[in-house]
Amino acid sequence: MLGRTPDLVVRGRMLTCDCLLGPADHPFHVSIREGAIVDMTAAPVLMRSWRFAFRASSAAWAEYWQPMPRPGWHDLLALTKRKEASLEGDLHPFMTHLQYFKDLLALPRFAPGRAA
């Protein structure tokens, strides 16, 4: 999906990092280079480091990915406030590129075949 959103890749062109994203019980190691995802591997991977992790419950992702999420479920930081998600590690790349991560992690809302 990221390949179909070149504006998002351009927005993240200054971002290069390795992070841990996804469901709390089955996150993914994601390698981002100049805004493009170059590798995504299911965790855990022995001896693989990451700068920060954003993990949420499966229920939180299901709500977040609704075409029009309910208040409190619509935003990554709102999920952390509800204690449905955790954000840990070096937060600098996440906060510096917050809109990039919000838009990246919201892409499943617009997946083909999803009801609007």
Protein backbone atom coordinates (compact mmCIF):
# COMPACT_ATOMS: atom_id res chain seq x y z
CA MET A 1 0.00 0.00 0.00
CA LEU A 2 2.87 2.36 0.73
CA GLY A 3 3.99 1.99 -2.89
CA ARG A 4 0.65 3.45 -4.01
CA THR A 5 1.15 6.55 -1.86
CA PRO A 6 4.25 8.29 -3.24
CA ASP A 7 3.39 11.49 -1.34
CA LEU A 8 3.81 9.60 1.92
CA VAL A 9 7.23 8.28 0.89
CA VAL A 10 8.25 11.82 -0.05
CA ARG A 11 7.04 13.08 3.35
CA GLY A 12 9.27 10.51 5.05
CA ARG A 13 12.30 11.04 2.82
CA MET A 14 14.36 12.25 5.79
CA LEU A 15 13.44 9.20 7.88
CA THR A 16 15.74 6.19 8.16
CA CYS A 17 15.19 3.90 11.14
CA ASP A 18 14.37 0.43 12.35
CA CYS A 19 11.31 0.11 14.54
CA LEU A 20 8.88 -2.40 15.98
CA LEU A 21 5.27 -1.86 14.90
CA GLY A 22 1.99 -3.71 15.03
CA PRO A 23 -0.02 -5.90 17.37
CA ALA A 24 1.35 -6.23 20.89
CA ASP A 25 1.44 -10.01 20.67
CA HIS A 26 2.88 -10.28 17.12
CA PRO A 27 4.74 -7.08 16.12
CA PHE A 28 6.93 -6.62 13.06
CA HIS A 29 10.48 -5.34 12.73
CA VAL A 30 10.16 -2.60 10.12
CA SER A 31 13.17 -1.10 8.34
CA ILE A 32 12.46 2.29 6.83
CA ARG A 33 15.00 3.92 4.53
CA GLU A 34 14.32 7.43 3.23
CA GLY A 35 10.58 6.99 3.82
CA ALA A 36 10.26 3.61 2.09
CA ILE A 37 9.75 0.32 3.90
CA VAL A 38 12.60 -1.90 2.74
CA ASP A 39 12.02 -4.82 5.11
CA MET A 40 9.24 -6.06 7.35
CA THR A 41 9.86 -9.22 9.38
CA ALA A 42 7.66 -10.79 12.03
CA ALA A 43 9.15 -10.51 15.51
CA PRO A 44 10.91 -11.82 17.45
CA VAL A 45 14.13 -11.86 15.48
CA LEU A 46 17.16 -12.81 17.53
CA MET A 47 19.56 -9.91 18.13
CA ARG A 48 17.61 -7.44 15.97
CA SER A 49 17.55 -3.95 17.42
CA TRP A 50 15.01 -1.16 17.01
CA ARG A 51 14.91 2.54 17.89
CA PHE A 52 11.31 2.63 19.10
CA ALA A 53 8.28 0.41 19.34
CA PHE A 54 4.62 1.21 18.82
CA ARG A 55 2.44 -1.76 19.71
CA ALA A 56 -1.29 -1.94 20.27
CA SER A 57 -3.86 -4.57 21.14
CA SER A 58 -5.60 -6.36 18.28
CA ALA A 59 -8.87 -4.72 19.32
CA ALA A 60 -7.24 -1.28 19.14
CA TRP A 61 -5.97 -1.92 15.59
CA ALA A 62 -9.40 -3.18 14.53
CA GLU A 63 -10.98 0.04 15.80
CA TYR A 64 -8.19 2.28 14.47
CA TRP A 65 -8.50 0.81 10.98
CA GLN A 66 -12.22 1.48 10.68
CA PRO A 67 -12.97 3.86 7.78
CA MET A 68 -14.22 6.40 10.35
CA PRO A 69 -12.85 5.42 13.80
CA ARG A 70 -14.73 6.44 16.91
CA PRO A 71 -13.30 9.24 19.07
CA GLY A 72 -10.46 7.93 21.22
CA TRP A 73 -9.68 5.20 18.68
CA HIS A 74 -8.83 7.51 15.78
CA ASP A 75 -5.27 8.51 16.65
CA LEU A 76 -2.06 6.72 17.65
CA LEU A 77 -1.49 8.93 20.69
CA ALA A 78 -5.14 8.57 21.71
CA LEU A 79 -4.59 4.80 21.76
CA THR A 80 -1.66 5.25 24.15
CA LYS A 81 -3.76 7.51 26.36
CA ARG A 82 -6.46 4.79 26.49
CA LYS A 83 -3.70 2.31 27.43
CA GLU A 84 -4.57 0.23 24.36
CA ALA A 85 -1.12 0.91 22.87
CA SER A 86 2.42 1.39 24.11
CA LEU A 87 5.17 3.60 22.78
CA GLU A 88 8.68 2.94 24.02
CA GLY A 89 12.34 3.42 23.19
CA ASP A 90 13.94 6.43 21.50
CA LEU A 91 10.89 8.51 20.63
CA HIS A 92 12.80 11.10 18.60
CA PRO A 93 12.27 9.51 15.15
CA PHE A 94 8.63 8.77 15.95
CA MET A 95 7.81 12.27 17.19
CA THR A 96 9.88 14.00 14.49
CA HIS A 97 7.95 12.11 11.82
CA LEU A 98 4.66 11.77 13.70
CA GLN A 99 2.40 12.61 10.75
CA TYR A 100 4.28 10.10 8.57
CA PHE A 101 3.66 7.31 11.11
CA LYS A 102 0.03 8.33 11.61
CA ASP A 103 -0.58 8.20 7.87
CA LEU A 104 1.47 5.02 7.38
CA LEU A 105 -0.34 3.11 10.10
CA ALA A 106 -3.73 4.38 8.87
CA LEU A 107 -3.21 2.95 5.35
CA PRO A 108 -5.27 -0.20 6.07
CA ARG A 109 -8.31 2.07 6.48
CA PHE A 110 -8.20 2.68 2.74
CA ALA A 111 -7.39 -0.85 1.57
CA PRO A 112 -9.27 -2.01 -1.54
CA GLY A 113 -12.36 -3.97 -0.64
CA ARG A 114 -12.95 -2.26 2.70
CA ALA A 115 -16.39 -0.79 3.23
CA ALA A 116 -16.41 2.98 3.60
